[in-house]
Amino acid sequence: MDVPFTPDGLGDVLALGARGESNGRAHFDLAHWCYRFHTHARPLALDPLTEAAVGIAEEVDARWERFVVSTHPMEALLGLDLAAVRLPVEWFQGWLRELEAARAQAAKGL
């Protein structure tokens, strides 16, 4: 995915999942983008909004992994088509609300 590792980029990724159709993107792609974002940004000195966005991206990544492992038998995981696994749309909607709340909080601090 060619989306910048920024809070706005995270918003775009979460919006894809929140719409339910993901514009042809598998939820695996969205979760992997979140993994790359938080591992890229975590070591940097971050402003409060980006720090919140990184935390949300970490949550998406962790929930993806827990969801895959908890909803599929262990023997099925090796051959599992991750592109077919879909997270609940409500989770993306909740993460998007969290990001918007962080954006509003950051705007108050300016």
C-alpha atoms as a PDB file:
ATOM      1  CA  MET A   1       0.000   0.000   0.000  1.00  0.00           C
ATOM      2  CA  ASP A   2       1.351   3.366  -1.002  1.00  0.00           C
ATOM      3  CA  VAL A   3       0.047   5.325   1.983  1.00  0.00           C
ATOM      4  CA  PRO A   4       2.324   7.648   3.984  1.00  0.00           C
ATOM      5  CA  PHE A   5       3.126   6.690   7.578  1.00  0.00           C
ATOM      6  CA  THR A   6       1.255   9.609   9.145  1.00  0.00           C
ATOM      7  CA  PRO A   7      -1.905  10.062  11.207  1.00  0.00           C
ATOM      8  CA  ASP A   8      -3.706  11.025   7.981  1.00  0.00           C
ATOM      9  CA  GLY A   9      -2.406   7.849   6.336  1.00  0.00           C
ATOM     10  CA  LEU A  10      -3.705   5.815   9.273  1.00  0.00           C
ATOM     11  CA  GLY A  11      -7.063   7.551   8.873  1.00  0.00           C
ATOM     12  CA  ASP A  12      -7.166   6.518   5.219  1.00  0.00           C
ATOM     13  CA  VAL A  13      -6.333   2.901   6.096  1.00  0.00           C
ATOM     14  CA  LEU A  14      -8.913   2.747   8.888  1.00  0.00           C
ATOM     15  CA  ALA A  15     -11.548   4.327   6.645  1.00  0.00           C
ATOM     16  CA  LEU A  16     -11.038   1.522   4.116  1.00  0.00           C
ATOM     17  CA  GLY A  17     -11.764  -1.064   6.786  1.00  0.00           C
ATOM     18  CA  ALA A  18     -14.613   0.957   8.299  1.00  0.00           C
ATOM     19  CA  ARG A  19     -16.457   1.079   4.971  1.00  0.00           C
ATOM     20  CA  GLY A  20     -16.509  -2.696   4.884  1.00  0.00           C
ATOM     21  CA  GLU A  21     -15.422  -3.097   1.294  1.00  0.00           C
ATOM     22  CA  SER A  22     -11.770  -1.985   1.645  1.00  0.00           C
ATOM     23  CA  ASN A  23     -11.473  -0.968  -2.047  1.00  0.00           C
ATOM     24  CA  GLY A  24     -10.135  -4.387  -2.954  1.00  0.00           C
ATOM     25  CA  ARG A  25      -7.661  -4.402  -0.063  1.00  0.00           C
ATOM     26  CA  ALA A  26      -7.608  -7.398   2.224  1.00  0.00           C
ATOM     27  CA  HIS A  27      -7.772  -6.664   5.936  1.00  0.00           C
ATOM     28  CA  PHE A  28      -4.392  -8.404   6.055  1.00  0.00           C
ATOM     29  CA  ASP A  29      -3.026  -5.522   3.930  1.00  0.00           C
ATOM     30  CA  LEU A  30      -4.539  -2.957   6.297  1.00  0.00           C
ATOM     31  CA  ALA A  31      -3.158  -4.709   9.384  1.00  0.00           C
ATOM     32  CA  HIS A  32       0.261  -5.096   7.734  1.00  0.00           C
ATOM     33  CA  TRP A  33       0.342  -1.372   6.917  1.00  0.00           C
ATOM     34  CA  CYS A  34      -0.416  -0.676  10.599  1.00  0.00           C
ATOM     35  CA  TYR A  35       2.436  -2.997  11.629  1.00  0.00           C
ATOM     36  CA  ARG A  36       4.866  -1.194   9.317  1.00  0.00           C
ATOM     37  CA  PHE A  37       3.666   2.218  10.549  1.00  0.00           C
ATOM     38  CA  HIS A  38       4.092   1.508  14.253  1.00  0.00           C
ATOM     39  CA  THR A  39       7.449  -0.245  13.848  1.00  0.00           C
ATOM     40  CA  HIS A  40       8.720   2.620  11.666  1.00  0.00           C
ATOM     41  CA  ALA A  41       7.466   5.451  13.862  1.00  0.00           C
ATOM     42  CA  ARG A  42       7.817   4.061  17.415  1.00  0.00           C
ATOM     43  CA  PRO A  43      11.549   4.865  17.809  1.00  0.00           C
ATOM     44  CA  LEU A  44      11.081   8.469  16.691  1.00  0.00           C
ATOM     45  CA  ALA A  45      10.285  11.494  18.843  1.00  0.00           C
ATOM     46  CA  LEU A  46       6.631  12.030  18.068  1.00  0.00           C
ATOM     47  CA  ASP A  47       4.069  14.771  18.516  1.00  0.00           C
ATOM     48  CA  PRO A  48       0.993  13.784  20.592  1.00  0.00           C
ATOM     49  CA  LEU A  49      -1.238  13.092  17.559  1.00  0.00           C
ATOM     50  CA  THR A  50       1.320  10.845  15.891  1.00  0.00           C
ATOM     51  CA  GLU A  51       1.954   9.091  19.222  1.00  0.00           C
ATOM     52  CA  ALA A  52      -1.775   8.362  19.500  1.00  0.00           C
ATOM     53  CA  ALA A  53      -1.883   7.181  15.881  1.00  0.00           C
ATOM     54  CA  VAL A  54       1.036   4.824  16.488  1.00  0.00           C
ATOM     55  CA  GLY A  55      -0.772   3.400  19.528  1.00  0.00           C
ATOM     56  CA  ILE A  56      -3.888   2.783  17.438  1.00  0.00           C
ATOM     57  CA  ALA A  57      -1.809   1.137  14.710  1.00  0.00           C
ATOM     58  CA  GLU A  58      -0.230  -1.139  17.348  1.00  0.00           C
ATOM     59  CA  GLU A  59      -3.712  -2.099  18.527  1.00  0.00           C
ATOM     60  CA  VAL A  60      -4.843  -2.917  14.972  1.00  0.00           C
ATOM     61  CA  ASP A  61      -1.778  -5.094  14.460  1.00  0.00           C
ATOM     62  CA  ALA A  62      -2.212  -6.913  17.785  1.00  0.00           C
ATOM     63  CA  ARG A  63      -5.953  -7.444  17.321  1.00  0.00           C
ATOM     64  CA  TRP A  64      -5.351  -8.819  13.807  1.00  0.00           C
ATOM     65  CA  GLU A  65      -2.932 -11.413  15.157  1.00  0.00           C
ATOM     66  CA  ARG A  66      -5.201 -12.390  18.061  1.00  0.00           C
ATOM     67  CA  PHE A  67      -8.234 -12.590  15.769  1.00  0.00           C
ATOM     68  CA  VAL A  68      -6.524 -14.861  13.241  1.00  0.00           C
ATOM     69  CA  VAL A  69      -5.189 -17.215  15.920  1.00  0.00           C
ATOM     70  CA  SER A  70      -8.396 -17.311  17.965  1.00  0.00           C
ATOM     71  CA  THR A  71     -10.814 -17.885  15.067  1.00  0.00           C
ATOM     72  CA  HIS A  72      -8.949 -20.626  13.190  1.00  0.00           C
ATOM     73  CA  PRO A  73      -7.837 -24.055  14.356  1.00  0.00           C
ATOM     74  CA  MET A  74      -4.083 -24.394  14.798  1.00  0.00           C
ATOM     75  CA  GLU A  75      -3.803 -26.983  12.027  1.00  0.00           C
ATOM     76  CA  ALA A  76      -5.542 -24.629   9.577  1.00  0.00           C
ATOM     77  CA  LEU A  77      -3.212 -21.676  10.196  1.00  0.00           C
ATOM     78  CA  LEU A  78      -0.378 -22.961   7.995  1.00  0.00           C
ATOM     79  CA  GLY A  79      -2.552 -23.119   4.889  1.00  0.00           C
ATOM     80  CA  LEU A  80      -4.779 -20.172   5.733  1.00  0.00           C
ATOM     81  CA  ASP A  81      -5.395 -17.591   3.012  1.00  0.00           C
ATOM     82  CA  LEU A  82      -4.913 -14.439   5.086  1.00  0.00           C
ATOM     83  CA  ALA A  83      -6.433 -12.317   2.331  1.00  0.00           C
ATOM     84  CA  ALA A  84      -9.768 -14.016   3.033  1.00  0.00           C
ATOM     85  CA  VAL A  85      -9.783 -13.148   6.762  1.00  0.00           C
ATOM     86  CA  ARG A  86     -11.907 -10.114   7.631  1.00  0.00           C
ATOM     87  CA  LEU A  87     -11.984  -8.236  10.902  1.00  0.00           C
ATOM     88  CA  PRO A  88     -15.289  -6.869  12.172  1.00  0.00           C
ATOM     89  CA  VAL A  89     -16.035  -3.538  10.487  1.00  0.00           C
ATOM     90  CA  GLU A  90     -17.053  -2.152  13.876  1.00  0.00           C
ATOM     91  CA  TRP A  91     -13.450  -2.460  15.047  1.00  0.00           C
ATOM     92  CA  PHE A  92     -12.228  -0.222  12.232  1.00  0.00           C
ATOM     93  CA  GLN A  93     -15.023   2.235  12.970  1.00  0.00           C
ATOM     94  CA  GLY A  94     -13.973   2.340  16.631  1.00  0.00           C
ATOM     95  CA  TRP A  95     -10.302   2.876  15.772  1.00  0.00           C
ATOM     96  CA  LEU A  96     -11.287   5.646  13.381  1.00  0.00           C
ATOM     97  CA  ARG A  97     -13.282   7.324  16.176  1.00  0.00           C
ATOM     98  CA  GLU A  98     -10.239   7.029  18.478  1.00  0.00           C
ATOM     99  CA  LEU A  99      -8.061   8.694  15.858  1.00  0.00           C
ATOM    100  CA  GLU A 100     -10.573  11.509  15.370  1.00  0.00           C
ATOM    101  CA  ALA A 101     -10.740  12.037  19.153  1.00  0.00           C
ATOM    102  CA  ALA A 102      -6.924  12.225  19.270  1.00  0.00           C
ATOM    103  CA  ARG A 103      -6.969  14.692  16.378  1.00  0.00           C
ATOM    104  CA  ALA A 104      -9.517  16.868  18.210  1.00  0.00           C
ATOM    105  CA  GLN A 105      -7.445  16.696  21.422  1.00  0.00           C
ATOM    106  CA  ALA A 106      -4.296  17.672  19.544  1.00  0.00           C
ATOM    107  CA  ALA A 107      -6.108  20.614  17.926  1.00  0.00           C
ATOM    108  CA  LYS A 108      -7.124  21.885  21.375  1.00  0.00           C
ATOM    109  CA  GLY A 109      -3.479  21.800  22.447  1.00  0.00           C
ATOM    110  CA  LEU A 110      -2.387  24.090  19.604  1.00  0.00           C
END
